[in-house]
Amino acid sequence: MITPHTTTAVLGLGRMGSAFAARLSGHGHHVIGWTRSGRAAPEGCATAGDPAEAVAAADVVLLSLFDGRACREVLDRVHGALRPGAVVLNTASIAPAEAAELSRRTGPAYVHAPVLGSVAAAASGGLEILTAAAPEALERALPVLRTLGGVRSVADAATAAALKLVANATLAGSVLALRDALQQADALGLSRPQVLDVLERGQLGRLVGRKRAFLGAGPGPGAGPGSGSGSDSDSGRAAQHGPAEFTVGALAKDTALLAAASRLPLRSAAELAGSPAGPGADIALAATVPAVDDAVLAPLRAYVRGHATGDPAHFRAAFLPTAHVEGVRDGAFVSWRLDDYCALFDGRPAADEAARSRRVDSVDVHGTVATAAMTLWHGYETFTDVFLLVRTGDGWRIANKAYDRRRAA
């Protein structure tokens, strides 16, 4: 078995790679670091100018790279320099199919070992590491793995990769749930510190506690939901509280890989990819920026005013002139042009308007197009409206609406 005093090459010296190198060096491992950017290894570690140079003397080659493509490229570069008996320990978050292919190409020396935890956990040896390897390779890698954290063995590389992506999907969901909670609190005029105090005691408490420094004191004067991307204040906040431990871009990459592998919709993948926080921001900053700009909500609010007042002028402000409204009414499919739809309203609110209510359920923006859904409770009838919106030179407008109409039993 490899002793803690043998050599580990750490290929990739980003946030996690540097934390790996520092942890291993501080616990008796001789570490040689390399990165494509030329960044120096942490104090106490040697730095190689070429990855082949780093692995030539290594018993364990630890990959801390961004994606599957980077892993393939680096392994191709060092393949001929690997020492007999050396193991390749890959901690990258990649697709299950990519992990299986790297395992097949590398052979029995390959250990797939994605980690659960961030930079702080790597520095303290508190990671949870999902490992898939042949028994001999795993035994040879254990001194390195156990220096970094706890080890949980799984059946194969694809399983380890898939479990890591599923775990990160729950993190993405938590970040977006926190974003929604903070924006609702801001809309209600609540104090950000007070809200964070309460959230820290609830289901999101661990995330809030770790990321509170990034979450700020709430919107400044004139700010609020939809007031802008928040990029300037977010950049200042990131600079004030240090570099990101886990970036929005990395989490977006992982959720996209999961959605592609499962072939099931994963809303967080699209929301994180389009986050105005920016790909290099800490994931906590994705919780501090508006989910949807007010400009996208404007035609939906005009549509609600049309129903509330009965004034078709609001519908003309909400819809494009070419829009259609379609659905099943009294058992028959109907498709109205905007003029036909507006003719249904006489300029007066419904007699029971005070008892009616409407709610925007979801809005998803994709560049110049968006989709939205709304529920309307009108007496004994409940409507679900689904909208397609387009951003034109005049701003956002509804291009089409489809609806479902249900009567209470």
Protein backbone atom coordinates (compact mmCIF):
# COMPACT_ATOMS: atom_id res chain seq x y z
CA MET A 1 0.00 0.00 0.00
CA ILE A 2 1.15 3.54 -0.68
CA THR A 3 2.31 5.31 2.45
CA PRO A 4 1.41 8.92 3.26
CA HIS A 5 4.96 9.91 2.35
CA THR A 6 4.78 9.02 -1.34
CA THR A 7 4.15 11.42 -4.21
CA THR A 8 0.80 12.74 -5.42
CA ALA A 9 0.44 14.81 -8.59
CA VAL A 10 -2.48 17.22 -8.43
CA LEU A 11 -3.49 18.22 -11.95
CA GLY A 12 -5.68 21.32 -11.76
CA LEU A 13 -4.99 24.00 -9.16
CA GLY A 14 -8.27 25.85 -9.04
CA ARG A 15 -10.15 26.33 -5.78
CA MET A 16 -10.57 22.64 -5.02
CA GLY A 17 -7.28 21.49 -6.52
CA SER A 18 -5.32 23.97 -4.44
CA ALA A 19 -7.21 22.88 -1.32
CA PHE A 20 -6.44 19.22 -2.12
CA ALA A 21 -2.75 20.01 -2.63
CA ALA A 22 -2.46 22.01 0.59
CA ARG A 23 -4.28 19.36 2.65
CA LEU A 24 -2.17 16.50 1.31
CA SER A 25 1.10 18.41 1.70
CA GLY A 26 0.23 19.29 5.26
CA HIS A 27 -0.32 15.61 6.08
CA GLY A 28 2.89 14.06 4.86
CA HIS A 29 2.34 13.66 1.14
CA HIS A 30 4.88 14.94 -1.34
CA VAL A 31 2.75 16.96 -3.78
CA ILE A 32 3.57 18.17 -7.29
CA GLY A 33 0.97 20.51 -8.73
CA TRP A 34 0.22 21.55 -12.30
CA THR A 35 -2.43 23.70 -13.93
CA ARG A 36 -3.01 24.86 -17.48
CA SER A 37 -3.13 28.48 -16.31
CA GLY A 38 0.40 28.27 -14.90
CA ARG A 39 -0.83 29.00 -11.37
CA ALA A 40 1.71 28.01 -8.72
CA ALA A 41 0.98 25.19 -6.29
CA PRO A 42 0.31 26.11 -2.65
CA GLU A 43 3.21 26.65 -0.28
CA GLY A 44 4.95 23.39 0.55
CA CYS A 45 4.11 21.83 -2.83
CA ALA A 46 6.28 21.61 -5.92
CA THR A 47 5.04 23.10 -9.20
CA ALA A 48 5.55 21.43 -12.58
CA GLY A 49 5.52 23.26 -15.88
CA ASP A 50 4.11 20.26 -17.74
CA PRO A 51 1.60 17.62 -16.62
CA ALA A 52 3.78 14.77 -17.85
CA GLU A 53 6.58 16.07 -15.64
CA ALA A 54 4.21 16.08 -12.66
CA VAL A 55 2.96 12.51 -13.13
CA ALA A 56 6.34 10.96 -14.00
CA ALA A 57 7.28 10.81 -10.31
CA ALA A 58 3.77 10.26 -8.91
CA ASP A 59 2.22 7.23 -7.27
CA VAL A 60 -1.21 8.87 -7.33
CA VAL A 61 -2.39 11.25 -10.06
CA LEU A 62 -5.31 13.33 -8.75
CA LEU A 63 -7.42 15.14 -11.33
CA SER A 64 -9.21 18.28 -10.15
CA LEU A 65 -10.53 19.58 -13.47
CA PHE A 66 -13.70 21.36 -14.61
CA ASP A 67 -15.34 18.88 -16.96
CA GLY A 68 -15.07 15.66 -18.92
CA ARG A 69 -13.38 17.26 -21.87
CA ALA A 70 -10.59 18.64 -19.69
CA CYS A 71 -10.14 15.20 -18.08
CA ARG A 72 -9.78 13.49 -21.46
CA GLU A 73 -7.34 16.09 -22.77
CA VAL A 74 -5.11 15.97 -19.70
CA LEU A 75 -5.12 12.17 -19.47
CA ASP A 76 -4.17 11.97 -23.15
CA ARG A 77 -1.23 14.29 -22.47
CA VAL A 78 0.10 12.27 -19.53
CA HIS A 79 -0.74 8.74 -20.63
CA GLY A 80 2.79 7.85 -21.70
CA ALA A 81 4.34 9.34 -18.55
CA LEU A 82 2.33 7.38 -15.96
CA ARG A 83 4.51 5.21 -13.75
CA PRO A 84 3.83 1.46 -13.57
CA GLY A 85 1.47 0.92 -10.65
CA ALA A 86 0.34 4.55 -10.45
CA VAL A 87 -3.37 5.16 -9.91
CA VAL A 88 -5.47 7.90 -11.49
CA LEU A 89 -7.85 9.46 -8.99
CA ASN A 90 -10.48 11.60 -10.75
CA THR A 91 -12.49 13.97 -8.52
CA ALA A 92 -14.17 15.89 -11.35
CA SER A 93 -17.96 16.21 -11.66
CA ILE A 94 -18.67 14.76 -15.11
CA ALA A 95 -21.45 12.88 -16.90
CA PRO A 96 -21.98 9.20 -16.08
CA ALA A 97 -21.16 8.19 -19.65
CA GLU A 98 -17.95 10.24 -19.53
CA ALA A 99 -16.92 8.58 -16.27
CA ALA A 100 -17.56 5.12 -17.71
CA GLU A 101 -15.53 5.94 -20.81
CA LEU A 102 -12.58 7.30 -18.82
CA SER A 103 -12.65 4.19 -16.65
CA ARG A 104 -12.62 1.95 -19.72
CA ARG A 105 -9.81 3.91 -21.40
CA THR A 106 -7.60 4.16 -18.33
CA GLY A 107 -8.13 0.59 -17.16
CA PRO A 108 -7.83 -0.94 -13.68
CA ALA A 109 -5.67 1.94 -12.42
CA TYR A 110 -8.64 4.34 -12.61
CA VAL A 111 -10.48 5.48 -9.48
CA HIS A 112 -13.53 7.67 -10.03
CA ALA A 113 -13.96 9.74 -6.88
CA PRO A 114 -16.28 12.78 -7.08
CA VAL A 115 -16.52 14.63 -3.79
CA LEU A 116 -19.40 16.02 -1.75
CA GLY A 117 -18.33 19.23 -0.07
CA SER A 118 -16.64 22.52 -0.83
CA VAL A 119 -13.24 24.15 -0.39
CA ALA A 120 -13.60 24.41 3.38
CA ALA A 121 -14.39 20.68 3.67
CA ALA A 122 -11.40 19.83 1.47
CA ALA A 123 -9.11 21.97 3.62
CA SER A 124 -10.32 20.30 6.83
CA GLY A 125 -10.47 16.74 5.52
CA GLY A 126 -14.26 16.73 5.84
CA LEU A 127 -15.26 15.69 2.32
CA GLU A 128 -17.52 12.76 1.55
CA ILE A 129 -15.96 10.93 -1.40
CA LEU A 130 -17.90 8.58 -3.69
CA THR A 131 -15.42 6.01 -5.02
CA ALA A 132 -15.60 3.41 -7.77
CA ALA A 133 -12.50 1.35 -8.53
CA ALA A 134 -10.95 -2.07 -8.78
CA PRO A 135 -10.02 -3.28 -5.25
CA GLU A 136 -6.28 -2.99 -5.80
CA ALA A 137 -6.49 0.54 -7.20
CA LEU A 138 -8.78 1.65 -4.38
CA GLU A 139 -6.38 0.21 -1.78
CA ARG A 140 -3.50 2.14 -3.30
CA ALA A 141 -5.53 5.36 -3.35
CA LEU A 142 -6.91 5.09 0.19
CA PRO A 143 -4.15 7.06 1.97
CA VAL A 144 -4.87 10.05 -0.28
CA LEU A 145 -8.64 9.61 -0.09
CA ARG A 146 -8.70 9.26 3.70
CA THR A 147 -6.57 12.37 4.10
CA LEU A 148 -9.27 14.31 2.23
CA GLY A 149 -12.36 12.82 3.87
CA GLY A 150 -14.64 9.84 4.32
CA VAL A 151 -14.86 7.20 1.60
CA ARG A 152 -18.09 5.63 0.32
CA SER A 153 -17.62 2.88 -2.28
CA VAL A 154 -20.18 2.43 -5.08
CA ALA A 155 -20.55 -0.09 -7.89
CA ASP A 156 -18.92 1.67 -10.83
CA ALA A 157 -17.70 4.99 -12.22
CA ALA A 158 -21.02 5.85 -13.89
CA THR A 159 -22.88 5.34 -10.62
CA ALA A 160 -20.42 7.54 -8.70
CA ALA A 161 -20.76 10.29 -11.32
CA ALA A 162 -24.56 10.07 -11.34
CA LEU A 163 -24.81 10.21 -7.54
CA LYS A 164 -22.66 13.34 -7.47
CA LEU A 165 -24.85 15.07 -10.05
CA VAL A 166 -28.03 14.15 -8.15
CA ALA A 167 -26.51 15.54 -4.94
CA ASN A 168 -25.63 18.79 -6.69
CA ALA A 169 -29.15 19.05 -8.11
CA THR A 170 -30.46 19.25 -4.54
CA LEU A 171 -27.97 22.04 -3.86
CA ALA A 172 -29.20 23.89 -6.95
CA GLY A 173 -32.77 23.52 -5.76
CA SER A 174 -31.84 24.87 -2.34
CA VAL A 175 -30.12 27.91 -3.86
CA LEU A 176 -33.15 28.70 -6.00
CA ALA A 177 -35.54 28.12 -3.08
CA LEU A 178 -33.47 30.58 -1.05
CA ARG A 179 -33.61 33.07 -3.92
CA ASP A 180 -37.40 32.84 -4.05
CA ALA A 181 -37.70 33.24 -0.29
CA LEU A 182 -35.48 36.32 -0.24
CA GLN A 183 -37.33 37.96 -3.11
CA GLN A 184 -40.71 37.34 -1.54
CA ALA A 185 -39.38 38.78 1.73
CA ASP A 186 -38.02 41.85 -0.09
CA ALA A 187 -41.40 42.37 -1.77
CA LEU A 188 -43.02 42.33 1.67
CA GLY A 189 -40.55 44.92 2.98
CA LEU A 190 -38.97 42.60 5.54
CA SER A 191 -35.52 43.24 6.98
CA ARG A 192 -32.91 41.04 5.29
CA PRO A 193 -30.98 40.29 8.54
CA GLN A 194 -34.23 39.34 10.25
CA VAL A 195 -35.22 37.08 7.36
CA LEU A 196 -31.81 35.38 7.36
CA ASP A 197 -32.08 34.82 11.12
CA VAL A 198 -35.35 32.97 10.60
CA LEU A 199 -34.21 31.02 7.51
CA GLU A 200 -31.07 29.90 9.32
CA ARG A 201 -33.32 28.09 11.79
CA GLY A 202 -35.31 26.30 9.08
CA GLN A 203 -34.77 23.73 6.35
CA LEU A 204 -32.32 25.99 4.50
CA GLY A 205 -30.39 26.73 7.67
CA ARG A 206 -27.15 25.00 6.75
CA LEU A 207 -26.92 26.81 3.42
CA VAL A 208 -27.84 30.17 4.92
CA GLY A 209 -25.33 29.74 7.73
CA ARG A 210 -22.46 28.92 5.37
CA LYS A 211 -23.29 31.62 2.84
CA ARG A 212 -24.65 34.44 4.99
CA ALA A 213 -21.73 36.77 4.20
CA PHE A 214 -22.71 36.67 0.50
CA LEU A 215 -26.42 37.19 1.08
CA GLY A 216 -26.17 40.84 2.07
CA ALA A 217 -28.48 43.15 3.90
CA GLY A 218 -31.14 43.28 1.20
CA PRO A 219 -31.87 45.74 -1.62
CA GLY A 220 -30.55 49.26 -1.40
CA PRO A 221 -32.55 52.43 -2.03
CA GLY A 222 -34.62 52.13 -5.15
CA ALA A 223 -33.83 48.45 -5.51
CA GLY A 224 -36.19 45.55 -5.31
CA PRO A 225 -37.38 42.57 -7.26
CA GLY A 226 -36.85 43.18 -10.96
CA SER A 227 -34.82 46.35 -10.47
CA GLY A 228 -31.87 44.98 -12.39
CA SER A 229 -29.28 42.22 -12.47
CA GLY A 230 -27.52 43.31 -9.30
CA SER A 231 -24.17 42.51 -10.92
CA ASP A 232 -22.30 45.55 -9.55
CA SER A 233 -23.35 45.00 -5.95
CA ASP A 234 -22.81 41.25 -6.30
CA SER A 235 -19.28 41.76 -7.58
CA GLY A 236 -18.53 44.07 -4.67
CA ARG A 237 -19.98 41.60 -2.22
CA ALA A 238 -17.88 38.77 -3.68
CA ALA A 239 -14.74 40.90 -3.48
CA GLN A 240 -15.53 41.85 0.12
CA HIS A 241 -16.06 38.29 1.33
CA GLY A 242 -13.45 36.44 -0.75
CA PRO A 243 -13.52 34.19 -3.78
CA ALA A 244 -16.29 31.75 -4.59
CA GLU A 245 -16.09 28.31 -3.03
CA PHE A 246 -18.41 26.84 -5.68
CA THR A 247 -19.39 28.90 -8.68
CA VAL A 248 -22.72 29.34 -10.40
CA GLY A 249 -21.09 28.19 -13.64
CA ALA A 250 -19.88 24.93 -12.12
CA LEU A 251 -23.28 24.17 -10.57
CA ALA A 252 -25.03 25.05 -13.84
CA LYS A 253 -22.69 22.67 -15.66
CA ASP A 254 -23.52 19.85 -13.26
CA THR A 255 -27.30 20.34 -13.48
CA ALA A 256 -27.09 20.44 -17.28
CA LEU A 257 -25.14 17.16 -17.26
CA LEU A 258 -27.79 15.58 -15.03
CA ALA A 259 -30.67 16.73 -17.24
CA ALA A 260 -28.91 15.38 -20.33
CA ALA A 261 -28.10 12.04 -18.69
CA SER A 262 -31.58 11.48 -17.22
CA ARG A 263 -33.45 12.89 -20.24
CA LEU A 264 -35.89 14.46 -17.81
CA PRO A 265 -36.63 18.17 -17.37
CA LEU A 266 -34.63 19.87 -14.63
CA ARG A 267 -35.73 23.45 -14.18
CA SER A 268 -32.68 24.46 -12.15
CA ALA A 269 -30.42 23.74 -15.14
CA ALA A 270 -32.00 26.50 -17.22
CA GLU A 271 -32.42 28.91 -14.31
CA LEU A 272 -28.79 28.67 -13.22
CA ALA A 273 -27.48 28.88 -16.78
CA GLY A 274 -29.34 32.17 -17.20
CA SER A 275 -28.60 33.59 -13.76
CA PRO A 276 -27.60 37.26 -13.89
CA ALA A 277 -25.20 36.55 -11.01
CA GLY A 278 -22.69 35.40 -13.66
CA PRO A 279 -20.88 32.06 -14.03
CA GLY A 280 -17.90 33.05 -11.87
CA ALA A 281 -19.98 34.14 -8.87
CA ASP A 282 -20.37 32.06 -5.75
CA ILE A 283 -23.57 30.02 -5.84
CA ALA A 284 -24.96 32.12 -2.97
CA LEU A 285 -25.09 35.17 -5.24
CA ALA A 286 -27.58 33.36 -7.48
CA ALA A 287 -29.96 33.68 -4.50
CA THR A 288 -29.60 37.47 -4.39
CA VAL A 289 -30.53 38.45 -7.96
CA PRO A 290 -34.02 38.68 -9.47
CA ALA A 291 -35.37 35.47 -10.96
CA VAL A 292 -37.35 37.46 -13.53
CA ASP A 293 -36.97 41.06 -14.63
CA ASP A 294 -40.00 43.30 -14.13
CA ALA A 295 -40.12 43.96 -17.87
CA VAL A 296 -41.12 40.31 -18.46
CA LEU A 297 -43.85 40.57 -15.83
CA ALA A 298 -45.29 43.80 -17.27
CA PRO A 299 -47.55 42.21 -19.94
CA LEU A 300 -48.78 39.60 -17.43
CA ARG A 301 -49.74 42.38 -15.03
CA ALA A 302 -51.53 44.22 -17.85
CA TYR A 303 -53.39 41.00 -18.61
CA VAL A 304 -54.50 40.75 -14.96
CA ARG A 305 -55.68 44.38 -15.06
CA GLY A 306 -57.77 43.53 -18.10
CA HIS A 307 -59.61 40.83 -16.18
CA ALA A 308 -59.92 42.95 -13.05
CA THR A 309 -61.39 45.97 -14.87
CA GLY A 310 -63.02 44.39 -17.89
CA ASP A 311 -61.25 47.03 -20.01
CA PRO A 312 -59.93 45.43 -23.23
CA ALA A 313 -57.35 48.22 -23.60
CA HIS A 314 -55.24 46.38 -21.05
CA PHE A 315 -55.30 43.21 -23.20
CA ARG A 316 -54.18 45.21 -26.23
CA ALA A 317 -51.26 46.49 -24.15
CA ALA A 318 -50.42 42.96 -23.05
CA PHE A 319 -50.69 41.07 -26.35
CA LEU A 320 -49.10 41.43 -29.75
CA PRO A 321 -51.68 42.42 -32.38
CA THR A 322 -51.16 39.04 -34.07
CA ALA A 323 -51.78 37.03 -30.88
CA HIS A 324 -54.27 34.20 -30.61
CA VAL A 325 -56.10 32.85 -27.55
CA GLU A 326 -56.87 29.15 -27.75
CA GLY A 327 -58.41 26.44 -25.61
CA VAL A 328 -61.37 24.11 -25.16
CA ARG A 329 -64.63 25.88 -24.30
CA ASP A 330 -67.86 23.94 -23.71
CA GLY A 331 -66.25 20.84 -25.24
CA ALA A 332 -65.13 22.54 -28.45
CA PHE A 333 -61.74 23.92 -29.44
CA VAL A 334 -61.74 27.68 -29.95
CA SER A 335 -59.10 29.98 -31.43
CA TRP A 336 -59.73 33.70 -31.12
CA ARG A 337 -57.82 36.53 -32.68
CA LEU A 338 -57.05 39.38 -30.29
CA ASP A 339 -60.00 41.46 -31.55
CA ASP A 340 -62.39 38.53 -30.95
CA TYR A 341 -61.02 38.05 -27.45
CA CYS A 342 -61.28 41.73 -26.56
CA ALA A 343 -64.89 41.74 -27.74
CA LEU A 344 -65.75 39.42 -24.83
CA PHE A 345 -65.19 42.31 -22.37
CA ASP A 346 -67.52 45.30 -22.00
CA GLY A 347 -65.27 47.68 -20.06
CA ARG A 348 -66.74 46.91 -16.66
CA PRO A 349 -65.47 44.59 -13.93
CA ALA A 350 -67.38 41.38 -13.28
CA ALA A 351 -70.08 41.61 -10.64
CA ASP A 352 -68.14 39.19 -8.41
CA GLU A 353 -64.71 40.74 -9.07
CA ALA A 354 -64.07 41.25 -5.35
CA ALA A 355 -64.20 37.46 -4.85
CA ARG A 356 -61.93 36.62 -7.80
CA SER A 357 -58.16 36.07 -7.58
CA ARG A 358 -55.23 35.48 -9.92
CA ARG A 359 -51.66 34.26 -9.44
CA VAL A 360 -48.60 34.04 -11.68
CA ASP A 361 -47.26 30.52 -11.11
CA SER A 362 -44.09 30.45 -13.18
CA VAL A 363 -42.03 32.43 -15.66
CA ASP A 364 -39.09 30.98 -17.61
CA VAL A 365 -36.99 33.31 -19.76
CA HIS A 366 -34.80 32.12 -22.62
CA GLY A 367 -33.19 35.13 -24.25
CA THR A 368 -35.84 36.87 -26.35
CA VAL A 369 -38.65 34.40 -25.58
CA ALA A 370 -40.34 33.35 -22.36
CA THR A 371 -43.09 31.07 -21.14
CA ALA A 372 -45.39 31.75 -18.22
CA ALA A 373 -48.28 30.08 -16.43
CA MET A 374 -51.04 31.67 -14.38
CA THR A 375 -53.99 30.39 -12.34
CA LEU A 376 -57.23 32.41 -12.20
CA TRP A 377 -60.08 31.66 -9.78
CA HIS A 378 -63.29 33.18 -11.18
CA GLY A 379 -66.22 32.08 -9.06
CA TYR A 380 -66.95 28.43 -9.74
CA GLU A 381 -64.42 28.33 -12.59
CA THR A 382 -60.67 27.88 -12.42
CA PHE A 383 -58.53 28.76 -15.41
CA THR A 384 -54.93 27.79 -16.09
CA ASP A 385 -53.42 30.13 -18.67
CA VAL A 386 -50.15 29.31 -20.42
CA PHE A 387 -48.42 32.15 -22.27
CA LEU A 388 -45.72 32.45 -24.90
CA LEU A 389 -44.00 35.85 -24.66
CA VAL A 390 -41.60 37.56 -27.06
CA ARG A 391 -39.32 40.51 -26.51
CA THR A 392 -39.80 42.97 -29.38
CA GLY A 393 -38.54 46.48 -29.97
CA ASP A 394 -41.40 47.72 -27.79
CA GLY A 395 -40.60 45.41 -24.90
CA TRP A 396 -42.14 42.12 -23.84
CA ARG A 397 -45.56 41.15 -25.22
CA ILE A 398 -47.70 38.02 -25.15
CA ALA A 399 -47.56 36.26 -28.51
CA ASN A 400 -50.11 33.53 -27.73
CA LYS A 401 -52.20 32.16 -24.88
CA ALA A 402 -53.58 28.67 -24.36
CA TYR A 403 -55.91 27.96 -21.49
CA ASP A 404 -57.64 25.19 -19.55
CA ARG A 405 -61.07 25.87 -18.01
CA ARG A 406 -62.47 23.79 -15.15
CA ARG A 407 -65.71 24.09 -13.21
CA ALA A 408 -65.94 23.17 -9.53
CA ALA A 409 -67.78 19.93 -8.94
